[in-house]
C-alpha cells in the first residue's frame, strides 16, 4: 500500500516537473522573440530642407482714417428752411447742404447796400469839391469813413448769410442726416458727416527700435475683414517725430488707394511694412518639427544596411534644431540642419530614433507660405 502511494507521488511530481519545463521553455522562447523583434517600417512623408529668400516685413495693427473728414455743423443759430443733400451720397466741394432762415438778414442787407450806395455818392461828391478847396479836409475824411463803414456793414451781413448757407468744404461722401426741416439749430449742432475716403490713411504703431529700418516711401500691405482674400497696397507717407512716452512706440501713417471705398474710417486693419532687405533661410514645413521641453527636433532620413541580413533600408535619425521665424506653413531653421537634408514632414510624433521607415509622398500635404484656409 505504501509502495503504491509512493509511486503515485513520484508520478505526480514527474508530471508537474514536465509541465513546468515545457512552460519555462515557452517563456524563454517568448523573451527571446521579444528581444529579437524588429517593428515593421513606418510609412512617412518627406520634405527637403531648402534654402529660400524670404522678404522681411514688419507686422502691425492699424486703424483707418479719412484723408479729410469732418462733421459739418452750424456756425450760427437759425431755423432750417432747406435741406439740399441726400445721405450717403457723393458730393462736390462747394455744393449746398443746408439753408437756414436768412429772411431778416436779406432785409438788413438791402438797407445796408442802400446806405453804402448813398455813402459812395456823398464821398465821390466830396472828392470833387476838395480839389477846388470848396470843403475842408475834415469833411473829406468824414465822407470817406462813412463810405467804408457802410461797405463794412453790408459785408458783415453778407458774411452772416454765407454762414447760414452751409456748403461742403471739400469733396467726399456724406453720412447720415442729423437734422430735420424746420429744426432750430444752435451754434455747433451737427448736421452731417463728410468723409473723403479715396485715398485713405492707415495709422499704426511700430516699436522705437524699428524706426531706423523704415522711411517714407516704403511699401505696405493692408488686409482687412471687409476684403477677404484681398490685399491693398500703399506706401508710408508720414512718420511721427515723437514717440509715445508710455509705450515707446512711434506712430506711422501710410496712404493707400480706396477706389471702391470698401475701407472706411475707424475700421481695424492688419499692416505689413515691406523692407528692402531679404532674409536667406533654411525652410521646413512646420509639421516636421517635434516640439519638446528639452528642445525641438526633426527626424532626418538616412540609408542603413542591416549587418545580419545585408539588406538596405531607410531609418530616421533624431536631430535637434534651433528654430527661427515662422511664416505660413513653414518655419526657418537657424542651426542644426544642413541644406538638402531629407526629413519626415508629417507624423513625427509616432517615430523614434533609429526606426525603419518607408517613404510614400502621395499622401504629402501641400505647404504654402501664404495659406488661405477655406474656413478662414
Protein backbone atom coordinates (compact mmCIF):
# COMPACT_ATOMS: atom_id res chain seq x y z
CA UNK A 1 0.00 0.00 0.00
CA UNK A 2 2.73 2.42 0.98
CA UNK A 3 4.70 1.48 -2.10
CA UNK A 4 1.70 2.22 -4.32
CA UNK A 5 1.23 5.69 -2.72
CA UNK A 6 4.91 6.48 -3.14
CA UNK A 7 4.80 5.58 -6.83
CA UNK A 8 1.74 7.82 -7.30
CA UNK A 9 3.51 10.78 -5.68
CA UNK A 10 6.58 10.23 -7.83
CA UNK A 11 4.43 10.12 -10.97
CA UNK A 12 2.64 13.29 -9.94
CA UNK A 13 5.94 15.08 -9.32
CA UNK A 14 7.21 13.91 -12.68
CA UNK A 15 4.15 15.30 -14.47
CA UNK A 16 4.44 18.62 -12.62
CA UNK A 17 8.14 18.87 -13.49
CA UNK A 18 7.42 18.09 -17.12
CA UNK A 19 4.73 20.76 -17.32
CA UNK A 20 6.99 23.31 -15.57
CA UNK A 21 9.79 22.60 -18.03
CA UNK A 22 7.52 23.00 -21.04
CA UNK A 23 6.16 26.29 -19.66
CA UNK A 24 9.66 27.56 -18.93
CA UNK A 25 10.78 26.77 -22.46
CA UNK A 26 7.77 28.72 -23.79
CA UNK A 27 8.58 31.73 -21.61
CA UNK A 28 12.25 31.73 -22.64
CA UNK A 29 11.20 31.47 -26.28
CA UNK A 30 8.83 34.44 -25.92
CA UNK A 31 11.53 36.54 -24.23
CA UNK A 32 13.97 35.72 -27.00
CA UNK A 33 11.42 36.61 -29.66
CA UNK A 34 10.76 39.91 -27.93
CA UNK A 35 14.44 40.80 -27.81
CA UNK A 36 14.91 39.97 -31.48
CA UNK A 37 11.65 41.59 -32.63
CA UNK A 38 12.02 44.41 -35.12
CA UNK A 39 8.96 46.65 -35.61
CA UNK A 40 7.73 46.99 -39.18
CA UNK A 41 8.83 50.16 -41.02
CA UNK A 42 6.55 53.19 -40.57
CA UNK A 43 5.10 54.88 -43.67
CA UNK A 44 6.03 58.58 -43.72
CA UNK A 45 6.06 61.61 -45.99
CA UNK A 46 9.20 63.66 -46.55
CA UNK A 47 10.38 67.18 -47.31
CA UNK A 48 13.76 68.66 -48.15
CA UNK A 49 15.36 71.48 -46.19
CA UNK A 50 15.78 74.04 -48.95
CA UNK A 51 17.37 77.48 -48.85
CA UNK A 52 14.88 80.26 -49.55
CA UNK A 53 14.86 84.04 -49.72
CA UNK A 54 12.08 85.44 -47.54
CA UNK A 55 11.11 89.08 -47.75
CA UNK A 56 11.37 90.98 -44.50
CA UNK A 57 8.20 92.57 -43.16
CA UNK A 58 7.22 94.45 -40.02
CA UNK A 59 3.70 93.45 -38.93
CA UNK A 60 1.42 95.91 -37.12
CA UNK A 61 -2.21 96.59 -36.33
CA UNK A 62 -3.60 99.75 -37.90
CA UNK A 63 -6.64 101.97 -37.85
CA UNK A 64 -8.14 103.54 -40.96
CA UNK A 65 -8.65 107.29 -41.15
CA UNK A 66 -10.07 109.54 -43.85
CA UNK A 67 -7.63 111.84 -45.64
CA UNK A 68 -10.19 114.57 -44.93
CA UNK A 69 -13.07 114.02 -42.57
CA UNK A 70 -15.33 116.37 -40.65
CA UNK A 71 -18.76 116.59 -39.10
CA UNK A 72 -20.40 119.60 -40.74
CA UNK A 73 -22.02 121.76 -38.05
CA UNK A 74 -23.98 125.01 -37.76
CA UNK A 75 -21.91 128.14 -37.19
CA UNK A 76 -24.84 130.34 -36.15
CA UNK A 77 -28.25 129.71 -34.57
CA UNK A 78 -31.14 129.55 -37.00
CA UNK A 79 -34.10 127.63 -38.40
CA UNK A 80 -33.56 125.02 -41.15
CA UNK A 81 -35.52 126.10 -44.25
CA UNK A 82 -33.93 123.86 -46.93
CA UNK A 83 -32.15 120.50 -46.98
CA UNK A 84 -30.23 120.07 -50.22
CA UNK A 85 -28.33 116.79 -49.72
CA UNK A 86 -29.01 113.05 -49.84
CA UNK A 87 -27.50 110.91 -47.06
CA UNK A 88 -24.58 108.66 -48.15
CA UNK A 89 -24.23 110.49 -51.47
CA UNK A 90 -21.02 111.67 -53.12
CA UNK A 91 -20.84 115.45 -53.16
CA UNK A 92 -18.50 118.03 -54.66
CA UNK A 93 -16.76 120.82 -52.79
CA UNK A 94 -18.95 123.94 -52.54
CA UNK A 95 -22.25 122.09 -53.02
CA UNK A 96 -25.15 123.42 -50.94
CA UNK A 97 -26.01 121.20 -47.99
CA UNK A 98 -28.41 123.21 -45.85
CA UNK A 99 -30.01 126.64 -45.79
CA UNK A 100 -31.01 128.38 -42.58
CA UNK A 101 -33.58 131.16 -42.36
CA UNK A 102 -31.95 134.35 -43.70
CA UNK A 103 -35.05 136.48 -44.34
CA UNK A 104 -34.12 139.10 -41.72
CA UNK A 105 -30.51 139.23 -42.93
CA UNK A 106 -31.66 139.73 -46.54
CA UNK A 107 -33.83 142.69 -45.45
CA UNK A 108 -30.95 144.16 -43.46
CA UNK A 109 -28.66 143.68 -46.45
CA UNK A 110 -30.93 145.75 -48.69
CA UNK A 111 -30.83 148.62 -46.20
CA UNK A 112 -27.07 148.28 -45.77
CA UNK A 113 -26.48 148.24 -49.54
CA UNK A 114 -28.65 151.37 -49.93
CA UNK A 115 -26.69 153.12 -47.18
CA UNK A 116 -23.42 152.07 -48.82
CA UNK A 117 -24.59 153.41 -52.20
CA UNK A 118 -25.55 156.76 -50.63
CA UNK A 119 -22.25 157.00 -48.75
CA UNK A 120 -20.41 156.28 -52.02
CA UNK A 121 -22.22 159.11 -53.84
CA UNK A 122 -21.52 161.56 -50.98
CA UNK A 123 -17.86 160.55 -50.89
CA UNK A 124 -17.48 160.98 -54.66
CA UNK A 125 -19.05 164.45 -54.41
CA UNK A 126 -16.72 165.48 -51.58
CA UNK A 127 -13.76 164.11 -53.56
CA UNK A 128 -14.57 166.55 -56.40
CA UNK A 129 -15.14 169.53 -54.10
CA UNK A 130 -11.91 169.10 -52.14
CA UNK A 131 -9.90 169.57 -55.34
CA UNK A 132 -11.20 173.17 -55.53
CA UNK A 133 -10.91 173.70 -51.76
CA UNK A 134 -14.70 174.02 -51.54
CA UNK A 135 -14.76 171.72 -48.47
CA UNK A 136 -12.33 171.16 -45.66
CA UNK A 137 -10.11 168.11 -45.21
CA UNK A 138 -12.21 167.10 -42.18
CA UNK A 139 -15.36 166.88 -44.32
CA UNK A 140 -13.49 164.75 -46.87
CA UNK A 141 -12.17 162.39 -44.16
CA UNK A 142 -15.62 162.05 -42.66
CA UNK A 143 -17.16 161.18 -46.03
CA UNK A 144 -14.50 158.54 -46.67
CA UNK A 145 -15.02 156.98 -43.24
CA UNK A 146 -18.81 156.91 -43.66
CA UNK A 147 -18.44 155.15 -47.02
CA UNK A 148 -16.06 152.49 -45.68
CA UNK A 149 -18.28 151.93 -42.65
CA UNK A 150 -21.34 151.42 -44.83
CA UNK A 151 -19.49 148.94 -47.05
CA UNK A 152 -18.24 147.04 -43.97
CA UNK A 153 -21.76 146.86 -42.57
CA UNK A 154 -23.05 145.32 -45.81
CA UNK A 155 -20.14 142.84 -45.89
CA UNK A 156 -20.93 141.79 -42.30
CA UNK A 157 -24.49 140.93 -43.24
CA UNK A 158 -23.30 139.04 -46.33
CA UNK A 159 -20.93 137.02 -44.12
CA UNK A 160 -23.81 136.13 -41.81
CA UNK A 161 -25.86 134.96 -44.81
CA UNK A 162 -22.90 132.88 -46.04
CA UNK A 163 -22.52 131.22 -42.63
CA UNK A 164 -26.20 130.28 -42.66
CA UNK A 165 -25.82 128.90 -46.19
CA UNK A 166 -23.87 125.75 -45.35
CA UNK A 167 -21.81 124.20 -48.17
CA UNK A 168 -19.49 121.20 -48.44
CA UNK A 169 -15.92 122.27 -47.52
CA UNK A 170 -14.43 119.51 -49.73
CA UNK A 171 -15.49 116.64 -51.99
CA UNK A 172 -16.41 113.38 -50.31
CA UNK A 173 -19.17 111.05 -49.19
CA UNK A 174 -21.90 112.18 -46.86
CA UNK A 175 -23.10 110.24 -43.85
CA UNK A 176 -26.47 110.02 -42.11
CA UNK A 177 -28.56 113.19 -41.87
CA UNK A 178 -28.65 114.50 -38.29
CA UNK A 179 -31.14 117.40 -38.70
CA UNK A 180 -34.69 117.88 -39.92
CA UNK A 181 -36.51 120.54 -41.91
CA UNK A 182 -37.81 123.27 -39.62
CA UNK A 183 -35.44 122.37 -36.79
CA UNK A 184 -33.94 125.24 -34.79
CA UNK A 185 -30.18 124.78 -34.80
CA UNK A 186 -27.87 126.09 -32.14
CA UNK A 187 -24.27 127.04 -32.71
CA UNK A 188 -22.21 123.85 -33.14
CA UNK A 189 -25.13 121.46 -33.76
CA UNK A 190 -24.04 118.57 -36.04
CA UNK A 191 -25.66 118.38 -39.49
CA UNK A 192 -23.95 115.51 -41.37
CA UNK A 193 -20.61 113.67 -41.54
CA UNK A 194 -18.45 114.27 -44.63
CA UNK A 195 -15.52 111.93 -45.37
CA UNK A 196 -13.05 111.88 -48.27
CA UNK A 197 -12.13 108.17 -48.50
CA UNK A 198 -10.09 107.80 -51.68
CA UNK A 199 -7.23 107.65 -50.89
CA UNK A 200 -7.36 106.64 -47.24
CA UNK A 201 -4.89 106.85 -44.35
CA UNK A 202 -3.75 103.86 -42.28
CA UNK A 203 -2.27 104.77 -38.90
CA UNK A 204 -0.23 102.16 -37.00
CA UNK A 205 2.45 101.93 -34.32
CA UNK A 206 5.94 100.41 -34.53
CA UNK A 207 8.49 99.88 -31.72
CA UNK A 208 11.16 102.54 -31.47
CA UNK A 209 13.93 100.04 -32.37
CA UNK A 210 12.33 99.56 -35.80
CA UNK A 211 12.40 103.25 -36.63
CA UNK A 212 15.87 103.05 -38.20
CA UNK A 213 14.64 100.39 -40.65
CA UNK A 214 11.80 102.38 -42.22
CA UNK A 215 11.42 105.61 -44.11
CA UNK A 216 8.72 107.39 -46.15
CA UNK A 217 8.04 105.68 -49.45
CA UNK A 218 8.40 102.09 -48.20
CA UNK A 219 5.54 99.88 -49.47
CA UNK A 220 2.93 98.47 -47.09
CA UNK A 221 0.34 95.70 -47.47
CA UNK A 222 -3.07 96.16 -45.89
CA UNK A 223 -5.57 93.39 -45.19
CA UNK A 224 -8.99 93.66 -43.60
CA UNK A 225 -12.03 91.52 -42.87
CA UNK A 226 -14.06 93.62 -45.30
CA UNK A 227 -11.78 92.48 -48.15
CA UNK A 228 -11.40 88.71 -47.59
CA UNK A 229 -8.63 87.23 -49.68
CA UNK A 230 -7.52 90.61 -51.00
CA UNK A 231 -4.52 92.79 -50.20
CA UNK A 232 -4.42 96.56 -50.64
CA UNK A 233 -1.02 98.12 -51.30
CA UNK A 234 0.09 101.56 -50.20
CA UNK A 235 3.19 103.38 -49.02
CA UNK A 236 4.43 105.15 -45.92
CA UNK A 237 3.76 108.88 -46.21
CA UNK A 238 4.50 110.19 -42.69
CA UNK A 239 6.38 109.20 -39.54
CA UNK A 240 5.61 110.95 -36.27
CA UNK A 241 8.72 112.74 -34.96
CA UNK A 242 7.73 111.98 -31.35
CA UNK A 243 7.48 108.55 -29.66
CA UNK A 244 4.74 107.68 -27.20
CA UNK A 245 6.03 108.19 -23.64
CA UNK A 246 4.11 105.21 -22.25
CA UNK A 247 4.77 102.53 -24.91
CA UNK A 248 7.90 103.93 -26.63
CA UNK A 249 6.18 103.24 -29.95
CA UNK A 250 6.28 105.57 -32.95
CA UNK A 251 3.14 106.33 -34.97
CA UNK A 252 3.46 105.76 -38.71
CA UNK A 253 0.97 106.79 -41.40
CA UNK A 254 0.55 105.10 -44.78
CA UNK A 255 -1.67 106.11 -47.69
CA UNK A 256 -3.50 103.60 -49.88
CA UNK A 257 -5.90 103.79 -52.80
CA UNK A 258 -9.53 103.05 -51.94
CA UNK A 259 -11.41 103.28 -55.23
CA UNK A 260 -14.32 101.06 -54.19
CA UNK A 261 -14.48 102.77 -50.78
CA UNK A 262 -14.66 99.36 -49.09
CA UNK A 263 -12.24 100.59 -46.43
CA UNK A 264 -13.97 103.03 -44.08
CA UNK A 265 -12.54 105.39 -41.44
CA UNK A 266 -12.40 103.82 -37.99
CA UNK A 267 -12.02 100.26 -39.27
CA UNK A 268 -9.38 97.84 -38.00
CA UNK A 269 -6.73 96.60 -40.45
CA UNK A 270 -3.58 94.48 -40.47
CA UNK A 271 -0.49 96.19 -41.87
CA UNK A 272 2.83 94.74 -43.07
CA UNK A 273 5.68 97.10 -43.92
CA UNK A 274 7.82 95.54 -46.67
CA UNK A 275 11.53 96.17 -46.09
CA UNK A 276 14.05 96.14 -48.98
CA UNK A 277 16.34 93.55 -47.33
CA UNK A 278 15.53 89.83 -47.73
CA UNK A 279 16.43 87.01 -45.32
CA UNK A 280 18.21 83.86 -46.52
CA UNK A 281 16.70 80.98 -44.53
CA UNK A 282 16.59 77.18 -44.47
CA UNK A 283 12.87 76.37 -44.61
CA UNK A 284 10.98 73.29 -43.45
CA UNK A 285 7.26 72.57 -43.05
CA UNK A 286 6.15 73.32 -39.50
CA UNK A 287 4.70 69.78 -39.26
CA UNK A 288 8.24 68.35 -39.50
CA UNK A 289 9.12 69.79 -36.08
CA UNK A 290 8.78 67.63 -32.96
CA UNK A 291 8.46 70.07 -30.05
CA UNK A 292 9.70 69.03 -26.61
CA UNK A 293 10.56 70.79 -23.34
CA UNK A 294 14.24 69.92 -23.79
CA UNK A 295 14.44 71.14 -27.39
CA UNK A 296 12.87 70.98 -30.84
CA UNK A 297 13.96 68.23 -33.21
CA UNK A 298 13.39 66.72 -36.65
CA UNK A 299 13.80 63.19 -37.99
CA UNK A 300 16.39 63.01 -40.76
CA UNK A 301 16.01 60.08 -43.17
CA UNK A 302 19.19 58.10 -43.85
CA UNK A 303 20.08 54.89 -45.69
CA UNK A 304 21.02 51.95 -43.44
CA UNK A 305 22.34 48.43 -44.19
CA UNK A 306 21.41 45.60 -41.81
CA UNK A 307 24.60 43.76 -40.79
CA UNK A 308 22.76 40.46 -40.17
CA UNK A 309 20.65 40.28 -43.31
CA UNK A 310 22.70 42.54 -45.59
CA UNK A 311 19.55 44.33 -46.73
CA UNK A 312 19.47 48.12 -47.16
CA UNK A 313 16.63 50.33 -45.96
CA UNK A 314 15.72 53.74 -44.63
CA UNK A 315 15.88 54.72 -40.99
CA UNK A 316 15.31 58.00 -39.15
CA UNK A 317 17.80 59.85 -37.00
CA UNK A 318 16.53 62.38 -34.49
CA UNK A 319 18.31 65.71 -34.94
CA UNK A 320 17.89 68.68 -32.61
CA UNK A 321 17.50 72.04 -34.32
CA UNK A 322 17.03 75.69 -33.45
CA UNK A 323 14.01 77.46 -34.94
CA UNK A 324 13.69 80.96 -36.33
CA UNK A 325 10.84 82.89 -37.93
CA UNK A 326 7.57 81.16 -38.79
CA UNK A 327 5.79 82.07 -42.00
CA UNK A 328 2.66 80.36 -43.30
CA UNK A 329 3.13 76.57 -43.23
CA UNK A 330 6.92 76.88 -42.96
CA UNK A 331 9.45 77.56 -40.23
CA UNK A 332 13.06 78.72 -40.61
CA UNK A 333 15.87 76.52 -39.23
CA UNK A 334 18.72 78.64 -37.89
CA UNK A 335 21.05 75.81 -36.86
CA UNK A 336 21.32 72.03 -36.56
CA UNK A 337 20.46 71.01 -40.13
CA UNK A 338 22.29 71.01 -43.46
CA UNK A 339 20.70 72.29 -46.69
CA UNK A 340 19.25 69.49 -48.80
CA UNK A 341 18.64 67.14 -45.88
CA UNK A 342 15.52 64.97 -46.24
CA UNK A 343 13.32 64.94 -43.14
CA UNK A 344 9.99 63.44 -42.17
CA UNK A 345 7.31 66.05 -42.87
CA UNK A 346 4.32 64.56 -41.03
CA UNK A 347 3.61 62.04 -38.27
CA UNK A 348 6.83 62.75 -36.38
CA UNK A 349 5.15 62.12 -33.02
CA UNK A 350 4.98 58.34 -33.71
CA UNK A 351 8.68 57.90 -34.58
CA UNK A 352 11.72 57.00 -32.50
CA UNK A 353 15.42 57.30 -33.19
CA UNK A 354 16.71 54.53 -35.49
CA UNK A 355 13.28 53.33 -36.60
CA UNK A 356 12.85 51.98 -40.12
CA UNK A 357 10.57 53.91 -42.46
CA UNK A 358 9.01 53.68 -45.89
CA UNK A 359 8.50 56.88 -47.90
CA UNK A 360 5.12 57.48 -49.54
CA UNK A 361 4.79 61.09 -50.69
CA UNK A 362 1.46 60.53 -52.41
CA UNK A 363 -0.12 61.48 -49.07
CA UNK A 364 2.11 64.52 -48.58
CA UNK A 365 0.04 67.63 -47.74
CA UNK A 366 0.58 70.85 -49.68
CA UNK A 367 2.54 73.51 -47.85
CA UNK A 368 2.27 77.22 -48.65
CA UNK A 369 3.96 80.40 -47.47
CA UNK A 370 0.61 82.21 -47.70
CA UNK A 371 -2.04 79.64 -46.85
CA UNK A 372 -5.69 80.55 -47.28
CA UNK A 373 -7.82 78.04 -45.38
CA UNK A 374 -11.35 77.56 -46.70
CA UNK A 375 -12.85 78.28 -43.30
CA UNK A 376 -10.83 81.43 -42.61
